[in-house]
Amino acid sequence: MKKKQIYAELQHKENAIIEAIFLEMPDKKEDMLTIAKQNRFSNYKPNLSEDENLQNPIFKAAFRNAVKKQFPERFEALNKFYQPKIKSINTALQLI
């Protein structure tokens, strides 16, 4: 499996977990947006809407990281499954 494929698959599954979190606790989305906005490296632009900011890959990453830090137990099994694969690919790439 290629590194790009693994990351795409991981991101897809993380998105599903994030969506499930917000379906269970809709009020948490606003909390996570606030945390992401406060990250000075998030590239948040106050003149844009939240949806427009979430189109920015840098802000979207800050938002995703806020969710993952707030709910680490939700991502634990996913990380245990994918991290060895990613590590294996990175090791193989270093040998090339």
PDB file of N, CA and C in Angstrom:
ATOM      1  N   MET A   1       0.848  -1.188   0.000  1.00  0.00           N
ATOM      2  CA  MET A   1       0.000   0.000   0.000  1.00  0.00           C
ATOM      3  C   MET A   1       0.887   1.242   0.000  1.00  0.00           C
ATOM      4  N   LYS A   2       0.562   2.207  -0.803  1.00  0.00           N
ATOM      5  CA  LYS A   2       1.365   3.403  -0.907  1.00  0.00           C
ATOM      6  C   LYS A   2       1.086   4.341   0.262  1.00  0.00           C
ATOM      7  N   LYS A   3       2.086   5.127   0.594  1.00  0.00           N
ATOM      8  CA  LYS A   3       1.983   6.059   1.711  1.00  0.00           C
ATOM      9  C   LYS A   3       0.799   7.016   1.528  1.00  0.00           C
ATOM     10  N   LYS A   4       0.645   7.525   0.325  1.00  0.00           N
ATOM     11  CA  LYS A   4      -0.433   8.471   0.030  1.00  0.00           C
ATOM     12  C   LYS A   4      -1.804   7.815   0.264  1.00  0.00           C
ATOM     13  N   GLN A   5      -1.930   6.563  -0.144  1.00  0.00           N
ATOM     14  CA  GLN A   5      -3.180   5.823   0.041  1.00  0.00           C
ATOM     15  C   GLN A   5      -3.490   5.640   1.525  1.00  0.00           C
ATOM     16  N   ILE A   6      -2.467   5.297   2.290  1.00  0.00           N
ATOM     17  CA  ILE A   6      -2.667   5.070   3.722  1.00  0.00           C
ATOM     18  C   ILE A   6      -3.121   6.357   4.400  1.00  0.00           C
ATOM     19  N   TYR A   7      -2.459   7.465   4.085  1.00  0.00           N
ATOM     20  CA  TYR A   7      -2.844   8.740   4.675  1.00  0.00           C
ATOM     21  C   TYR A   7      -4.265   9.142   4.268  1.00  0.00           C
ATOM     22  N   ALA A   8      -4.636   8.894   3.029  1.00  0.00           N
ATOM     23  CA  ALA A   8      -5.988   9.217   2.563  1.00  0.00           C
ATOM     24  C   ALA A   8      -7.027   8.376   3.297  1.00  0.00           C
ATOM     25  N   GLU A   9      -6.726   7.099   3.448  1.00  0.00           N
ATOM     26  CA  GLU A   9      -7.636   6.190   4.159  1.00  0.00           C
ATOM     27  C   GLU A   9      -7.752   6.602   5.625  1.00  0.00           C
ATOM     28  N   LEU A  10      -6.628   6.925   6.244  1.00  0.00           N
ATOM     29  CA  LEU A  10      -6.620   7.357   7.642  1.00  0.00           C
ATOM     30  C   LEU A  10      -7.444   8.635   7.802  1.00  0.00           C
ATOM     31  N   GLN A  11      -7.237   9.600   6.918  1.00  0.00           N
ATOM     32  CA  GLN A  11      -7.974  10.857   6.999  1.00  0.00           C
ATOM     33  C   GLN A  11      -9.479  10.631   6.820  1.00  0.00           C
ATOM     34  N   HIS A  12      -9.840   9.753   5.904  1.00  0.00           N
ATOM     35  CA  HIS A  12     -11.254   9.434   5.679  1.00  0.00           C
ATOM     36  C   HIS A  12     -11.881   8.864   6.956  1.00  0.00           C
ATOM     37  N   LYS A  13     -11.176   7.958   7.609  1.00  0.00           N
ATOM     38  CA  LYS A  13     -11.698   7.346   8.833  1.00  0.00           C
ATOM     39  C   LYS A  13     -11.721   8.341   9.988  1.00  0.00           C
ATOM     40  N   GLU A  14     -10.722   9.218  10.056  1.00  0.00           N
ATOM     41  CA  GLU A  14     -10.735  10.271  11.078  1.00  0.00           C
ATOM     42  C   GLU A  14     -11.932  11.199  10.865  1.00  0.00           C
ATOM     43  N   ASN A  15     -12.214  11.530   9.614  1.00  0.00           N
ATOM     44  CA  ASN A  15     -13.370  12.382   9.313  1.00  0.00           C
ATOM     45  C   ASN A  15     -14.665  11.736   9.800  1.00  0.00           C
ATOM     46  N   ALA A  16     -14.784  10.437   9.628  1.00  0.00           N
ATOM     47  CA  ALA A  16     -15.981   9.721  10.073  1.00  0.00           C
ATOM     48  C   ALA A  16     -16.100   9.778  11.595  1.00  0.00           C
ATOM     49  N   ILE A  17     -14.984   9.652  12.286  1.00  0.00           N
ATOM     50  CA  ILE A  17     -14.991   9.728  13.755  1.00  0.00           C
ATOM     51  C   ILE A  17     -15.384  11.137  14.200  1.00  0.00           C
ATOM     52  N   ILE A  18     -14.805  12.142  13.550  1.00  0.00           N
ATOM     53  CA  ILE A  18     -15.120  13.531  13.897  1.00  0.00           C
ATOM     54  C   ILE A  18     -16.607  13.810  13.666  1.00  0.00           C
ATOM     55  N   GLU A  19     -17.124  13.337  12.556  1.00  0.00           N
ATOM     56  CA  GLU A  19     -18.552  13.514  12.255  1.00  0.00           C
ATOM     57  C   GLU A  19     -19.415  12.846  13.326  1.00  0.00           C
ATOM     58  N   ALA A  20     -19.030  11.658  13.747  1.00  0.00           N
ATOM     59  CA  ALA A  20     -19.784  10.942  14.780  1.00  0.00           C
ATOM     60  C   ALA A  20     -19.754  11.700  16.110  1.00  0.00           C
ATOM     61  N   ILE A  21     -18.613  12.265  16.442  1.00  0.00           N
ATOM     62  CA  ILE A  21     -18.491  13.046  17.682  1.00  0.00           C
ATOM     63  C   ILE A  21     -19.484  14.207  17.655  1.00  0.00           C
ATOM     64  N   PHE A  22     -19.533  14.920  16.524  1.00  0.00           N
ATOM     65  CA  PHE A  22     -20.405  16.089  16.441  1.00  0.00           C
ATOM     66  C   PHE A  22     -21.878  15.715  16.320  1.00  0.00           C
ATOM     67  N   LEU A  23     -22.168  14.512  15.835  1.00  0.00           N
ATOM     68  CA  LEU A  23     -23.555  14.042  15.837  1.00  0.00           C
ATOM     69  C   LEU A  23     -24.004  13.749  17.265  1.00  0.00           C
ATOM     70  N   GLU A  24     -23.098  13.187  18.059  1.00  0.00           N
ATOM     71  CA  GLU A  24     -23.398  12.885  19.461  1.00  0.00           C
ATOM     72  C   GLU A  24     -23.451  14.144  20.314  1.00  0.00           C
ATOM     73  N   MET A  25     -22.527  15.056  20.037  1.00  0.00           N
ATOM     74  CA  MET A  25     -22.382  16.267  20.853  1.00  0.00           C
ATOM     75  C   MET A  25     -22.234  17.493  19.949  1.00  0.00           C
ATOM     76  N   PRO A  26     -23.328  17.952  19.374  1.00  0.00           N
ATOM     77  CA  PRO A  26     -23.247  19.064  18.408  1.00  0.00           C
ATOM     78  C   PRO A  26     -22.608  20.334  18.966  1.00  0.00           C
ATOM     79  N   ASP A  27     -22.767  20.573  20.248  1.00  0.00           N
ATOM     80  CA  ASP A  27     -22.204  21.778  20.863  1.00  0.00           C
ATOM     81  C   ASP A  27     -20.677  21.764  20.892  1.00  0.00           C
ATOM     82  N   LYS A  28     -20.067  20.606  20.766  1.00  0.00           N
ATOM     83  CA  LYS A  28     -18.599  20.500  20.817  1.00  0.00           C
ATOM     84  C   LYS A  28     -17.925  21.086  19.577  1.00  0.00           C
ATOM     85  N   LYS A  29     -18.636  21.150  18.459  1.00  0.00           N
ATOM     86  CA  LYS A  29     -18.035  21.687  17.242  1.00  0.00           C
ATOM     87  C   LYS A  29     -17.625  23.140  17.455  1.00  0.00           C
ATOM     88  N   GLU A  30     -18.495  23.904  18.075  1.00  0.00           N
ATOM     89  CA  GLU A  30     -18.187  25.313  18.347  1.00  0.00           C
ATOM     90  C   GLU A  30     -16.973  25.431  19.271  1.00  0.00           C
ATOM     91  N   ASP A  31     -16.891  24.549  20.266  1.00  0.00           N
ATOM     92  CA  ASP A  31     -15.734  24.544  21.169  1.00  0.00           C
ATOM     93  C   ASP A  31     -14.436  24.264  20.407  1.00  0.00           C
ATOM     94  N   MET A  32     -14.493  23.307  19.500  1.00  0.00           N
ATOM     95  CA  MET A  32     -13.295  22.943  18.736  1.00  0.00           C
ATOM     96  C   MET A  32     -12.900  24.065  17.766  1.00  0.00           C
ATOM     97  N   LEU A  33     -13.907  24.739  17.197  1.00  0.00           N
ATOM     98  CA  LEU A  33     -13.610  25.878  16.328  1.00  0.00           C
ATOM     99  C   LEU A  33     -12.923  26.987  17.129  1.00  0.00           C
ATOM    100  N   THR A  34     -13.401  27.218  18.345  1.00  0.00           N
ATOM    101  CA  THR A  34     -12.797  28.247  19.201  1.00  0.00           C
ATOM    102  C   THR A  34     -11.351  27.901  19.513  1.00  0.00           C
ATOM    103  N   ILE A  35     -11.091  26.652  19.844  1.00  0.00           N
ATOM    104  CA  ILE A  35      -9.716  26.216  20.133  1.00  0.00           C
ATOM    105  C   ILE A  35      -8.837  26.398  18.902  1.00  0.00           C
ATOM    106  N   ALA A  36      -9.341  25.995  17.744  1.00  0.00           N
ATOM    107  CA  ALA A  36      -8.566  26.132  16.503  1.00  0.00           C
ATOM    108  C   ALA A  36      -8.297  27.600  16.179  1.00  0.00           C
ATOM    109  N   LYS A  37      -9.272  28.460  16.403  1.00  0.00           N
ATOM    110  CA  LYS A  37      -9.102  29.898  16.152  1.00  0.00           C
ATOM    111  C   LYS A  37      -8.003  30.482  17.021  1.00  0.00           C
ATOM    112  N   GLN A  38      -7.876  29.973  18.240  1.00  0.00           N
ATOM    113  CA  GLN A  38      -6.896  30.500  19.193  1.00  0.00           C
ATOM    114  C   GLN A  38      -5.470  30.038  18.890  1.00  0.00           C
ATOM    115  N   ASN A  39      -5.332  29.034  18.056  1.00  0.00           N
ATOM    116  CA  ASN A  39      -4.011  28.555  17.655  1.00  0.00           C
ATOM    117  C   ASN A  39      -3.409  29.586  16.708  1.00  0.00           C
ATOM    118  N   ARG A  40      -2.303  30.180  17.104  1.00  0.00           N
ATOM    119  CA  ARG A  40      -1.741  31.275  16.303  1.00  0.00           C
ATOM    120  C   ARG A  40      -1.225  30.830  14.942  1.00  0.00           C
ATOM    121  N   PHE A  41      -1.046  29.535  14.766  1.00  0.00           N
ATOM    122  CA  PHE A  41      -0.572  29.023  13.476  1.00  0.00           C
ATOM    123  C   PHE A  41      -1.711  28.484  12.613  1.00  0.00           C
ATOM    124  N   SER A  42      -2.949  28.690  13.041  1.00  0.00           N
ATOM    125  CA  SER A  42      -4.093  28.099  12.338  1.00  0.00           C
ATOM    126  C   SER A  42      -4.470  28.824  11.051  1.00  0.00           C
ATOM    127  N   ASN A  43      -3.935  30.011  10.859  1.00  0.00           N
ATOM    128  CA  ASN A  43      -4.234  30.788   9.655  1.00  0.00           C
ATOM    129  C   ASN A  43      -5.714  31.181   9.602  1.00  0.00           C
ATOM    130  N   TYR A  44      -6.323  31.340  10.785  1.00  0.00           N
ATOM    131  CA  TYR A  44      -7.732  31.747  10.870  1.00  0.00           C
ATOM    132  C   TYR A  44      -7.883  33.181  10.382  1.00  0.00           C
ATOM    133  N   LYS A  45      -8.907  33.406   9.566  1.00  0.00           N
ATOM    134  CA  LYS A  45      -9.181  34.749   9.034  1.00  0.00           C
ATOM    135  C   LYS A  45     -10.563  35.190   9.535  1.00  0.00           C
ATOM    136  N   PRO A  46     -10.580  36.159  10.458  1.00  0.00           N
ATOM    137  CA  PRO A  46     -11.855  36.579  11.057  1.00  0.00           C
ATOM    138  C   PRO A  46     -12.853  37.172  10.059  1.00  0.00           C
ATOM    139  N   ASN A  47     -12.365  37.638   8.922  1.00  0.00           N
ATOM    140  CA  ASN A  47     -13.270  38.215   7.922  1.00  0.00           C
ATOM    141  C   ASN A  47     -14.000  37.150   7.103  1.00  0.00           C
ATOM    142  N   LEU A  48     -13.625  35.876   7.293  1.00  0.00           N
ATOM    143  CA  LEU A  48     -14.285  34.765   6.598  1.00  0.00           C
ATOM    144  C   LEU A  48     -15.211  34.026   7.556  1.00  0.00           C
ATOM    145  N   SER A  49     -16.181  33.333   7.015  1.00  0.00           N
ATOM    146  CA  SER A  49     -17.073  32.511   7.844  1.00  0.00           C
ATOM    147  C   SER A  49     -16.305  31.278   8.326  1.00  0.00           C
ATOM    148  N   GLU A  50     -16.905  30.578   9.286  1.00  0.00           N
ATOM    149  CA  GLU A  50     -16.261  29.347   9.779  1.00  0.00           C
ATOM    150  C   GLU A  50     -16.144  28.318   8.662  1.00  0.00           C
ATOM    151  N   ASP A  51     -17.189  28.203   7.846  1.00  0.00           N
ATOM    152  CA  ASP A  51     -17.137  27.251   6.727  1.00  0.00           C
ATOM    153  C   ASP A  51     -16.040  27.620   5.742  1.00  0.00           C
ATOM    154  N   GLU A  52     -15.893  28.918   5.466  1.00  0.00           N
ATOM    155  CA  GLU A  52     -14.840  29.358   4.559  1.00  0.00           C
ATOM    156  C   GLU A  52     -13.463  29.086   5.159  1.00  0.00           C
ATOM    157  N   ASN A  53     -13.313  29.322   6.465  1.00  0.00           N
ATOM    158  CA  ASN A  53     -12.044  29.030   7.126  1.00  0.00           C
ATOM    159  C   ASN A  53     -11.736  27.542   7.073  1.00  0.00           C
ATOM    160  N   LEU A  54     -12.769  26.719   7.211  1.00  0.00           N
ATOM    161  CA  LEU A  54     -12.559  25.269   7.172  1.00  0.00           C
ATOM    162  C   LEU A  54     -12.170  24.768   5.777  1.00  0.00           C
ATOM    163  N   GLN A  55     -12.310  25.593   4.757  1.00  0.00           N
ATOM    164  CA  GLN A  55     -11.842  25.246   3.413  1.00  0.00           C
ATOM    165  C   GLN A  55     -10.329  25.405   3.304  1.00  0.00           C
ATOM    166  N   ASN A  56      -9.751  26.192   4.205  1.00  0.00           N
ATOM    167  CA  ASN A  56      -8.307  26.413   4.236  1.00  0.00           C
ATOM    168  C   ASN A  56      -7.650  25.180   4.875  1.00  0.00           C
ATOM    169  N   PRO A  57      -6.764  24.488   4.162  1.00  0.00           N
ATOM    170  CA  PRO A  57      -6.154  23.261   4.699  1.00  0.00           C
ATOM    171  C   PRO A  57      -5.419  23.463   6.029  1.00  0.00           C
ATOM    172  N   ILE A  58      -4.831  24.629   6.232  1.00  0.00           N
ATOM    173  CA  ILE A  58      -4.097  24.876   7.478  1.00  0.00           C
ATOM    174  C   ILE A  58      -5.068  24.995   8.652  1.00  0.00           C
ATOM    175  N   PHE A  59      -6.135  25.767   8.462  1.00  0.00           N
ATOM    176  CA  PHE A  59      -7.123  25.894   9.532  1.00  0.00           C
ATOM    177  C   PHE A  59      -7.835  24.572   9.775  1.00  0.00           C
ATOM    178  N   LYS A  60      -8.142  23.867   8.693  1.00  0.00           N
ATOM    179  CA  LYS A  60      -8.810  22.574   8.826  1.00  0.00           C
ATOM    180  C   LYS A  60      -7.946  21.597   9.640  1.00  0.00           C
ATOM    181  N   ALA A  61      -6.646  21.621   9.411  1.00  0.00           N
ATOM    182  CA  ALA A  61      -5.733  20.759  10.174  1.00  0.00           C
ATOM    183  C   ALA A  61      -5.731  21.157  11.652  1.00  0.00           C
ATOM    184  N   ALA A  62      -5.742  22.456  11.929  1.00  0.00           N
ATOM    185  CA  ALA A  62      -5.775  22.927  13.324  1.00  0.00           C
ATOM    186  C   ALA A  62      -7.070  22.473  13.995  1.00  0.00           C
ATOM    187  N   PHE A  63      -8.166  22.550  13.265  1.00  0.00           N
ATOM    188  CA  PHE A  63      -9.469  22.114  13.773  1.00  0.00           C
ATOM    189  C   PHE A  63      -9.466  20.609  14.064  1.00  0.00           C
ATOM    190  N   ARG A  64      -8.968  19.827  13.105  1.00  0.00           N
ATOM    191  CA  ARG A  64      -8.893  18.365  13.278  1.00  0.00           C
ATOM    192  C   ARG A  64      -8.012  18.009  14.472  1.00  0.00           C
ATOM    193  N   ASN A  65      -6.882  18.706  14.612  1.00  0.00           N
ATOM    194  CA  ASN A  65      -5.986  18.445  15.733  1.00  0.00           C
ATOM    195  C   ASN A  65      -6.645  18.779  17.060  1.00  0.00           C
ATOM    196  N   ALA A  66      -7.443  19.844  17.087  1.00  0.00           N
ATOM    197  CA  ALA A  66      -8.157  20.199  18.316  1.00  0.00           C
ATOM    198  C   ALA A  66      -9.119  19.077  18.711  1.00  0.00           C
ATOM    199  N   VAL A  67      -9.821  18.547  17.733  1.00  0.00           N
ATOM    200  CA  VAL A  67     -10.763  17.444  18.000  1.00  0.00           C
ATOM    201  C   VAL A  67     -10.001  16.214  18.485  1.00  0.00           C
ATOM    202  N   LYS A  68      -8.908  15.891  17.822  1.00  0.00           N
ATOM    203  CA  LYS A  68      -8.136  14.696  18.187  1.00  0.00           C
ATOM    204  C   LYS A  68      -7.527  14.821  19.588  1.00  0.00           C
ATOM    205  N   LYS A  69      -7.138  16.028  19.971  1.00  0.00           N
ATOM    206  CA  LYS A  69      -6.591  16.237  21.326  1.00  0.00           C
ATOM    207  C   LYS A  69      -7.692  16.184  22.381  1.00  0.00           C
ATOM    208  N   GLN A  70      -8.872  16.668  22.034  1.00  0.00           N
ATOM    209  CA  GLN A  70      -9.990  16.682  22.983  1.00  0.00           C
ATOM    210  C   GLN A  70     -10.580  15.288  23.201  1.00  0.00           C
ATOM    211  N   PHE A  71     -10.535  14.451  22.173  1.00  0.00           N
ATOM    212  CA  PHE A  71     -11.140  13.115  22.219  1.00  0.00           C
ATOM    213  C   PHE A  71     -10.131  12.039  21.797  1.00  0.00           C
ATOM    214  N   PRO A  72      -8.974  11.966  22.461  1.00  0.00           N
ATOM    215  CA  PRO A  72      -7.936  11.025  22.007  1.00  0.00           C
ATOM    216  C   PRO A  72      -8.379   9.570  22.028  1.00  0.00           C
ATOM    217  N   GLU A  73      -9.256   9.224  22.961  1.00  0.00           N
ATOM    218  CA  GLU A  73      -9.700   7.833  23.069  1.00  0.00           C
ATOM    219  C   GLU A  73     -10.476   7.388  21.832  1.00  0.00           C
ATOM    220  N   ARG A  74     -11.112   8.319  21.140  1.00  0.00           N
ATOM    221  CA  ARG A  74     -11.870   7.985  19.933  1.00  0.00           C
ATOM    222  C   ARG A  74     -10.961   7.606  18.759  1.00  0.00           C
ATOM    223  N   PHE A  75      -9.717   8.066  18.819  1.00  0.00           N
ATOM    224  CA  PHE A  75      -8.786   7.843  17.708  1.00  0.00           C
ATOM    225  C   PHE A  75      -7.726   6.791  18.036  1.00  0.00           C
ATOM    226  N   GLU A  76      -7.769   6.283  19.264  1.00  0.00           N
ATOM    227  CA  GLU A  76      -6.743   5.355  19.745  1.00  0.00           C
ATOM    228  C   GLU A  76      -6.617   4.092  18.872  1.00  0.00           C
ATOM    229  N   ALA A  77      -7.717   3.424  18.609  1.00  0.00           N
ATOM    230  CA  ALA A  77      -7.673   2.182  17.816  1.00  0.00           C
ATOM    231  C   ALA A  77      -7.192   2.462  16.399  1.00  0.00           C
ATOM    232  N   LEU A  78      -7.637   3.570  15.842  1.00  0.00           N
ATOM    233  CA  LEU A  78      -7.226   3.957  14.497  1.00  0.00           C
ATOM    234  C   LEU A  78      -5.717   4.178  14.434  1.00  0.00           C
ATOM    235  N   ASN A  79      -5.201   4.890  15.430  1.00  0.00           N
ATOM    236  CA  ASN A  79      -3.761   5.156  15.478  1.00  0.00           C
ATOM    237  C   ASN A  79      -2.960   3.865  15.651  1.00  0.00           C
ATOM    238  N   LYS A  80      -3.446   2.971  16.491  1.00  0.00           N
ATOM    239  CA  LYS A  80      -2.745   1.698  16.702  1.00  0.00           C
ATOM    240  C   LYS A  80      -2.701   0.875  15.416  1.00  0.00           C
ATOM    241  N   PHE A  81      -3.726   0.987  14.604  1.00  0.00           N
ATOM    242  CA  PHE A  81      -3.785   0.242  13.357  1.00  0.00           C
ATOM    243  C   PHE A  81      -2.888   0.862  12.289  1.00  0.00           C
ATOM    244  N   TYR A  82      -2.920   2.192  12.152  1.00  0.00           N
ATOM    245  CA  TYR A  82      -2.219   2.853  11.045  1.00  0.00           C
ATOM    246  C   TYR A  82      -0.771   3.246  11.341  1.00  0.00           C
ATOM    247  N   GLN A  83      -0.440   3.557  12.567  1.00  0.00           N
ATOM    248  CA  GLN A  83       0.921   4.023  12.853  1.00  0.00           C
ATOM    249  C   GLN A  83       1.999   2.999  12.488  1.00  0.00           C
ATOM    250  N   PRO A  84       1.815   1.703  12.783  1.00  0.00           N
ATOM    251  CA  PRO A  84       2.832   0.737  12.340  1.00  0.00           C
ATOM    252  C   PRO A  84       2.993   0.688  10.815  1.00  0.00           C
ATOM    253  N   LYS A  85       1.893   0.816  10.089  1.00  0.00           N
ATOM    254  CA  LYS A  85       1.969   0.821   8.629  1.00  0.00           C
ATOM    255  C   LYS A  85       2.756   2.038   8.136  1.00  0.00           C
ATOM    256  N   ILE A  86       2.458   3.190   8.709  1.00  0.00           N
ATOM    257  CA  ILE A  86       3.143   4.426   8.314  1.00  0.00           C
ATOM    258  C   ILE A  86       4.629   4.335   8.657  1.00  0.00           C
ATOM    259  N   LYS A  87       4.917   3.817   9.846  1.00  0.00           N
ATOM    260  CA  LYS A  87       6.318   3.673  10.270  1.00  0.00           C
ATOM    261  C   LYS A  87       7.070   2.717   9.334  1.00  0.00           C
ATOM    262  N   SER A  88       6.430   1.630   8.961  1.00  0.00           N
ATOM    263  CA  SER A  88       7.040   0.653   8.065  1.00  0.00           C
ATOM    264  C   SER A  88       7.358   1.269   6.698  1.00  0.00           C
ATOM    265  N   ILE A  89       6.429   2.030   6.169  1.00  0.00           N
ATOM    266  CA  ILE A  89       6.638   2.681   4.873  1.00  0.00           C
ATOM    267  C   ILE A  89       7.763   3.713   4.977  1.00  0.00           C
ATOM    268  N   ASN A  90       7.752   4.506   6.058  1.00  0.00           N
ATOM    269  CA  ASN A  90       8.809   5.510   6.234  1.00  0.00           C
ATOM    270  C   ASN A  90      10.188   4.850   6.335  1.00  0.00           C
ATOM    271  N   THR A  91      10.255   3.731   7.034  1.00  0.00           N
ATOM    272  CA  THR A  91      11.525   2.997   7.155  1.00  0.00           C
ATOM    273  C   THR A  91      11.957   2.488   5.792  1.00  0.00           C
ATOM    274  N   ALA A  92      11.047   1.923   5.042  1.00  0.00           N
ATOM    275  CA  ALA A  92      11.372   1.419   3.697  1.00  0.00           C
ATOM    276  C   ALA A  92      11.829   2.550   2.788  1.00  0.00           C
ATOM    277  N   LEU A  93      11.210   3.708   2.891  1.00  0.00           N
ATOM    278  CA  LEU A  93      11.603   4.854   2.049  1.00  0.00           C
ATOM    279  C   LEU A  93      13.009   5.348   2.393  1.00  0.00           C
ATOM    280  N   GLN A  94      13.386   5.234   3.661  1.00  0.00           N
ATOM    281  CA  GLN A  94      14.721   5.661   4.065  1.00  0.00           C
ATOM    282  C   GLN A  94      15.806   4.747   3.496  1.00  0.00           C
ATOM    283  N   LEU A  95      15.436   3.512   3.234  1.00  0.00           N
ATOM    284  CA  LEU A  95      16.400   2.548   2.709  1.00  0.00           C
ATOM    285  C   LEU A  95      16.644   2.713   1.211  1.00  0.00           C
ATOM    286  N   ILE A  96      15.782   3.463   0.566  1.00  0.00           N
ATOM    287  CA  ILE A  96      15.909   3.653  -0.892  1.00  0.00           C
ATOM    288  C   ILE A  96      16.999   4.651  -1.196  1.00  0.00           C
TER     289      ILE A  96
END
